[in-house]
Amino acid sequence: MNGPNSHRACHLGVNPRGLVDRSVPVLRVDSPEGEAACGPLRLPCHNTTLTQTNYSLCGDYRVYAQAYVQERQPGAQAMFMIGLRGDANPYPRVP
């Protein structure tokens, strides 16, 4: 890209050394009795771990993240949210 604003250009593609928010915020919501009722978690990333060459049925990383939270908080319902910043593909991807 050339031009006066080329330093501010958006480059699409794999950027393993680029800035990435690898945190996964989790909020615990308790019932009136003090038990864990639900746990919303947010990760700004597409559910596209499997590539176009893999035709397996899979809930992708979202399902594994929900199961992880629910195993550690029995009786709670984990709710996954992508949010407004979910326009990123996971890296690395599984062929």
N, C-alpha and C. Protein backbone atom coordinates (compact mmCIF):
# COMPACT_ATOMS: atom_id res chain seq x y z
N MET A 1 0.84 -1.18 0.00
CA MET A 1 0.00 0.00 0.00
C MET A 1 0.88 1.24 0.00
N ASN A 2 0.46 2.20 -0.73
CA ASN A 2 1.18 3.46 -0.79
C ASN A 2 0.24 4.58 -0.41
N GLY A 3 0.78 5.70 -0.08
CA GLY A 3 -0.04 6.86 0.23
C GLY A 3 0.31 7.44 1.59
N PRO A 4 -0.28 8.58 1.90
CA PRO A 4 0.08 9.27 3.14
C PRO A 4 -0.34 8.52 4.40
N ASN A 5 -1.35 7.65 4.31
CA ASN A 5 -1.83 6.93 5.49
C ASN A 5 -1.50 5.44 5.44
N SER A 6 -0.49 5.05 4.66
CA SER A 6 -0.19 3.62 4.51
C SER A 6 0.27 3.00 5.83
N HIS A 7 0.82 3.78 6.74
CA HIS A 7 1.25 3.25 8.04
C HIS A 7 0.05 2.89 8.92
N ARG A 8 -1.13 3.38 8.57
CA ARG A 8 -2.34 3.11 9.35
C ARG A 8 -3.23 2.09 8.66
N ALA A 9 -2.71 1.41 7.68
CA ALA A 9 -3.51 0.47 6.89
C ALA A 9 -3.86 -0.77 7.71
N CYS A 10 -4.94 -1.39 7.34
CA CYS A 10 -5.37 -2.64 7.97
C CYS A 10 -4.90 -3.79 7.09
N HIS A 11 -4.13 -4.70 7.67
CA HIS A 11 -3.62 -5.84 6.93
C HIS A 11 -4.31 -7.09 7.45
N LEU A 12 -4.95 -7.82 6.56
CA LEU A 12 -5.66 -9.03 6.95
C LEU A 12 -4.75 -10.24 6.75
N GLY A 13 -4.84 -11.20 7.65
CA GLY A 13 -4.05 -12.41 7.53
C GLY A 13 -3.48 -12.81 8.87
N VAL A 14 -2.72 -13.88 8.89
CA VAL A 14 -2.14 -14.40 10.12
C VAL A 14 -1.06 -13.44 10.61
N ASN A 15 -1.11 -13.13 11.88
CA ASN A 15 -0.14 -12.24 12.49
C ASN A 15 0.21 -12.80 13.88
N PRO A 16 1.00 -13.89 13.94
CA PRO A 16 1.27 -14.55 15.22
C PRO A 16 2.02 -13.69 16.23
N ARG A 17 2.69 -12.64 15.79
CA ARG A 17 3.42 -11.78 16.71
C ARG A 17 2.67 -10.49 17.01
N GLY A 18 1.49 -10.35 16.45
CA GLY A 18 0.72 -9.13 16.65
C GLY A 18 0.03 -9.08 18.00
N LEU A 19 -0.56 -7.94 18.29
CA LEU A 19 -1.27 -7.76 19.54
C LEU A 19 -2.56 -8.57 19.54
N VAL A 20 -2.76 -9.34 20.60
CA VAL A 20 -3.94 -10.18 20.72
C VAL A 20 -4.39 -10.16 22.18
N ASP A 21 -5.68 -10.01 22.38
CA ASP A 21 -6.23 -10.09 23.73
C ASP A 21 -6.55 -11.55 24.00
N ARG A 22 -5.72 -12.22 24.79
CA ARG A 22 -5.89 -13.64 25.06
C ARG A 22 -6.67 -13.90 26.36
N SER A 23 -7.21 -12.86 26.95
CA SER A 23 -7.98 -13.04 28.17
C SER A 23 -9.41 -13.48 27.83
N VAL A 24 -10.04 -14.17 28.75
CA VAL A 24 -11.42 -14.61 28.60
C VAL A 24 -12.18 -14.17 29.85
N PRO A 25 -12.83 -13.02 29.80
CA PRO A 25 -13.58 -12.57 30.97
C PRO A 25 -14.75 -13.52 31.28
N VAL A 26 -14.91 -13.86 32.55
CA VAL A 26 -16.00 -14.71 32.99
C VAL A 26 -16.68 -14.01 34.16
N LEU A 27 -18.00 -13.92 34.11
CA LEU A 27 -18.78 -13.30 35.16
C LEU A 27 -19.58 -14.39 35.85
N ARG A 28 -19.53 -14.46 37.16
CA ARG A 28 -20.31 -15.45 37.90
C ARG A 28 -21.57 -14.77 38.42
N VAL A 29 -22.73 -15.36 38.12
CA VAL A 29 -24.01 -14.87 38.61
C VAL A 29 -24.53 -15.91 39.59
N ASP A 30 -24.79 -15.49 40.82
CA ASP A 30 -25.24 -16.41 41.86
C ASP A 30 -26.76 -16.37 42.03
N SER A 31 -27.31 -17.49 42.47
CA SER A 31 -28.72 -17.58 42.82
C SER A 31 -28.93 -16.88 44.16
N PRO A 32 -30.19 -16.65 44.57
CA PRO A 32 -30.42 -16.05 45.89
C PRO A 32 -29.83 -16.89 47.03
N GLU A 33 -29.64 -18.19 46.80
CA GLU A 33 -29.07 -19.07 47.82
C GLU A 33 -27.55 -19.02 47.84
N GLY A 34 -26.93 -18.28 46.92
CA GLY A 34 -25.48 -18.17 46.87
C GLY A 34 -24.80 -19.20 46.00
N GLU A 35 -25.57 -20.02 45.28
CA GLU A 35 -25.00 -21.02 44.37
C GLU A 35 -24.75 -20.38 43.00
N ALA A 36 -23.75 -20.90 42.30
CA ALA A 36 -23.48 -20.41 40.94
C ALA A 36 -24.66 -20.74 40.04
N ALA A 37 -25.23 -19.74 39.39
CA ALA A 37 -26.39 -19.94 38.51
C ALA A 37 -25.98 -19.92 37.04
N CYS A 38 -25.13 -18.97 36.67
CA CYS A 38 -24.65 -18.93 35.29
C CYS A 38 -23.32 -18.21 35.24
N GLY A 39 -22.63 -18.44 34.17
CA GLY A 39 -21.33 -17.83 33.98
C GLY A 39 -21.14 -17.38 32.56
N PRO A 40 -21.53 -16.14 32.24
CA PRO A 40 -21.27 -15.64 30.89
C PRO A 40 -19.77 -15.49 30.66
N LEU A 41 -19.28 -15.95 29.51
CA LEU A 41 -17.89 -15.76 29.17
C LEU A 41 -17.81 -15.19 27.76
N ARG A 42 -16.81 -14.35 27.53
CA ARG A 42 -16.70 -13.65 26.24
C ARG A 42 -15.31 -13.84 25.67
N LEU A 43 -15.27 -14.20 24.41
CA LEU A 43 -14.01 -14.33 23.69
C LEU A 43 -14.23 -13.78 22.28
N PRO A 44 -13.55 -12.71 21.90
CA PRO A 44 -13.80 -12.07 20.61
C PRO A 44 -13.14 -12.80 19.45
N CYS A 45 -13.72 -13.92 19.05
CA CYS A 45 -13.12 -14.74 17.99
C CYS A 45 -14.19 -15.57 17.32
N HIS A 46 -14.11 -15.72 16.00
CA HIS A 46 -15.05 -16.57 15.26
C HIS A 46 -14.94 -18.02 15.72
N ASN A 47 -16.04 -18.74 15.62
CA ASN A 47 -16.03 -20.18 15.88
C ASN A 47 -15.66 -20.90 14.58
N THR A 48 -14.43 -20.73 14.17
CA THR A 48 -13.96 -21.30 12.90
C THR A 48 -12.61 -21.99 13.07
N THR A 49 -12.45 -22.76 14.14
CA THR A 49 -11.19 -23.45 14.34
C THR A 49 -10.94 -24.48 13.25
N LEU A 50 -11.99 -25.21 12.87
CA LEU A 50 -11.85 -26.20 11.79
C LEU A 50 -11.85 -25.47 10.45
N THR A 51 -11.04 -25.92 9.53
CA THR A 51 -10.94 -25.26 8.23
C THR A 51 -11.97 -25.83 7.26
N GLN A 52 -11.99 -25.29 6.07
CA GLN A 52 -12.95 -25.71 5.05
C GLN A 52 -12.70 -27.13 4.54
N THR A 53 -11.59 -27.75 4.92
CA THR A 53 -11.32 -29.12 4.49
C THR A 53 -11.80 -30.15 5.52
N ASN A 54 -12.32 -29.70 6.65
CA ASN A 54 -12.80 -30.58 7.70
C ASN A 54 -14.32 -30.49 7.77
N TYR A 55 -15.01 -31.60 7.51
CA TYR A 55 -16.47 -31.59 7.48
C TYR A 55 -17.07 -32.23 8.74
N SER A 56 -16.29 -32.33 9.81
CA SER A 56 -16.80 -32.89 11.06
C SER A 56 -17.80 -31.93 11.69
N LEU A 57 -18.77 -32.49 12.38
CA LEU A 57 -19.70 -31.66 13.14
C LEU A 57 -19.05 -31.35 14.48
N CYS A 58 -18.97 -30.08 14.80
CA CYS A 58 -18.29 -29.69 16.03
C CYS A 58 -18.81 -28.33 16.47
N GLY A 59 -18.98 -28.16 17.77
CA GLY A 59 -19.39 -26.87 18.32
C GLY A 59 -18.23 -25.91 18.46
N ASP A 60 -17.07 -26.33 18.01
CA ASP A 60 -15.86 -25.53 18.02
C ASP A 60 -15.42 -25.22 19.44
N TYR A 61 -14.48 -24.30 19.59
CA TYR A 61 -13.90 -24.03 20.90
C TYR A 61 -14.92 -23.51 21.90
N ARG A 62 -15.99 -22.91 21.41
CA ARG A 62 -17.03 -22.37 22.28
C ARG A 62 -17.61 -23.45 23.18
N VAL A 63 -17.90 -24.62 22.62
CA VAL A 63 -18.48 -25.72 23.39
C VAL A 63 -17.49 -26.23 24.45
N TYR A 64 -16.22 -26.31 24.09
CA TYR A 64 -15.22 -26.77 25.04
C TYR A 64 -15.05 -25.75 26.18
N ALA A 65 -15.12 -24.48 25.87
CA ALA A 65 -15.01 -23.45 26.90
C ALA A 65 -16.21 -23.51 27.85
N GLN A 66 -17.41 -23.69 27.30
CA GLN A 66 -18.60 -23.80 28.14
C GLN A 66 -18.51 -25.04 29.03
N ALA A 67 -18.09 -26.17 28.49
CA ALA A 67 -17.97 -27.40 29.27
C ALA A 67 -16.94 -27.22 30.39
N TYR A 68 -15.85 -26.52 30.10
CA TYR A 68 -14.81 -26.28 31.09
C TYR A 68 -15.37 -25.50 32.29
N VAL A 69 -16.13 -24.44 32.01
CA VAL A 69 -16.71 -23.63 33.07
C VAL A 69 -17.75 -24.45 33.85
N GLN A 70 -18.60 -25.18 33.15
CA GLN A 70 -19.67 -25.94 33.81
C GLN A 70 -19.13 -27.10 34.64
N GLU A 71 -18.01 -27.69 34.24
CA GLU A 71 -17.40 -28.75 35.05
C GLU A 71 -16.89 -28.20 36.38
N ARG A 72 -16.42 -26.97 36.36
CA ARG A 72 -15.86 -26.37 37.57
C ARG A 72 -16.90 -25.66 38.42
N GLN A 73 -18.08 -25.43 37.87
CA GLN A 73 -19.19 -24.80 38.59
C GLN A 73 -20.44 -25.66 38.39
N PRO A 74 -20.53 -26.82 39.06
CA PRO A 74 -21.68 -27.72 38.87
C PRO A 74 -23.01 -26.99 39.12
N GLY A 75 -23.95 -27.23 38.22
CA GLY A 75 -25.27 -26.60 38.32
C GLY A 75 -25.37 -25.27 37.63
N ALA A 76 -24.25 -24.70 37.23
CA ALA A 76 -24.27 -23.40 36.56
C ALA A 76 -24.38 -23.59 35.05
N GLN A 77 -24.96 -22.62 34.38
CA GLN A 77 -25.07 -22.63 32.92
C GLN A 77 -24.08 -21.62 32.36
N ALA A 78 -23.10 -22.09 31.61
CA ALA A 78 -22.14 -21.20 30.96
C ALA A 78 -22.76 -20.66 29.68
N MET A 79 -22.69 -19.36 29.52
CA MET A 79 -23.25 -18.71 28.32
C MET A 79 -22.11 -18.02 27.58
N PHE A 80 -21.94 -18.36 26.32
CA PHE A 80 -20.84 -17.84 25.52
C PHE A 80 -21.32 -16.63 24.72
N MET A 81 -20.50 -15.58 24.70
CA MET A 81 -20.81 -14.38 23.91
C MET A 81 -19.58 -13.99 23.10
N ILE A 82 -19.79 -13.71 21.83
CA ILE A 82 -18.68 -13.23 21.01
C ILE A 82 -18.52 -11.73 21.19
N GLY A 83 -19.60 -11.00 21.24
CA GLY A 83 -19.53 -9.55 21.43
C GLY A 83 -19.22 -8.82 20.15
N LEU A 84 -18.92 -7.55 20.28
CA LEU A 84 -18.72 -6.68 19.11
C LEU A 84 -17.35 -6.84 18.48
N ARG A 85 -16.41 -7.43 19.19
CA ARG A 85 -15.06 -7.53 18.64
C ARG A 85 -14.77 -8.93 18.10
N GLY A 86 -15.78 -9.68 17.72
CA GLY A 86 -15.60 -11.06 17.32
C GLY A 86 -15.21 -11.25 15.86
N ASP A 87 -14.55 -10.28 15.27
CA ASP A 87 -14.19 -10.39 13.87
C ASP A 87 -12.73 -10.81 13.72
N ALA A 88 -12.41 -11.96 14.32
CA ALA A 88 -11.05 -12.50 14.22
C ALA A 88 -11.13 -14.01 14.14
N ASN A 89 -10.27 -14.59 13.37
CA ASN A 89 -10.21 -16.05 13.27
C ASN A 89 -9.22 -16.59 14.27
N PRO A 90 -9.45 -17.81 14.79
CA PRO A 90 -8.49 -18.41 15.70
C PRO A 90 -7.19 -18.77 14.98
N TYR A 91 -6.10 -18.78 15.72
CA TYR A 91 -4.82 -19.16 15.15
C TYR A 91 -4.03 -19.89 16.22
N PRO A 92 -3.49 -21.05 15.97
CA PRO A 92 -3.53 -21.77 14.70
C PRO A 92 -4.87 -22.47 14.52
N ARG A 93 -5.17 -22.82 13.30
CA ARG A 93 -6.39 -23.55 12.97
C ARG A 93 -6.06 -25.00 12.70
N VAL A 94 -7.05 -25.86 12.89
CA VAL A 94 -6.88 -27.29 12.71
C VAL A 94 -7.35 -27.68 11.32
N PRO A 95 -6.51 -28.30 10.50
CA PRO A 95 -6.94 -28.68 9.14
C PRO A 95 -7.96 -29.82 9.16
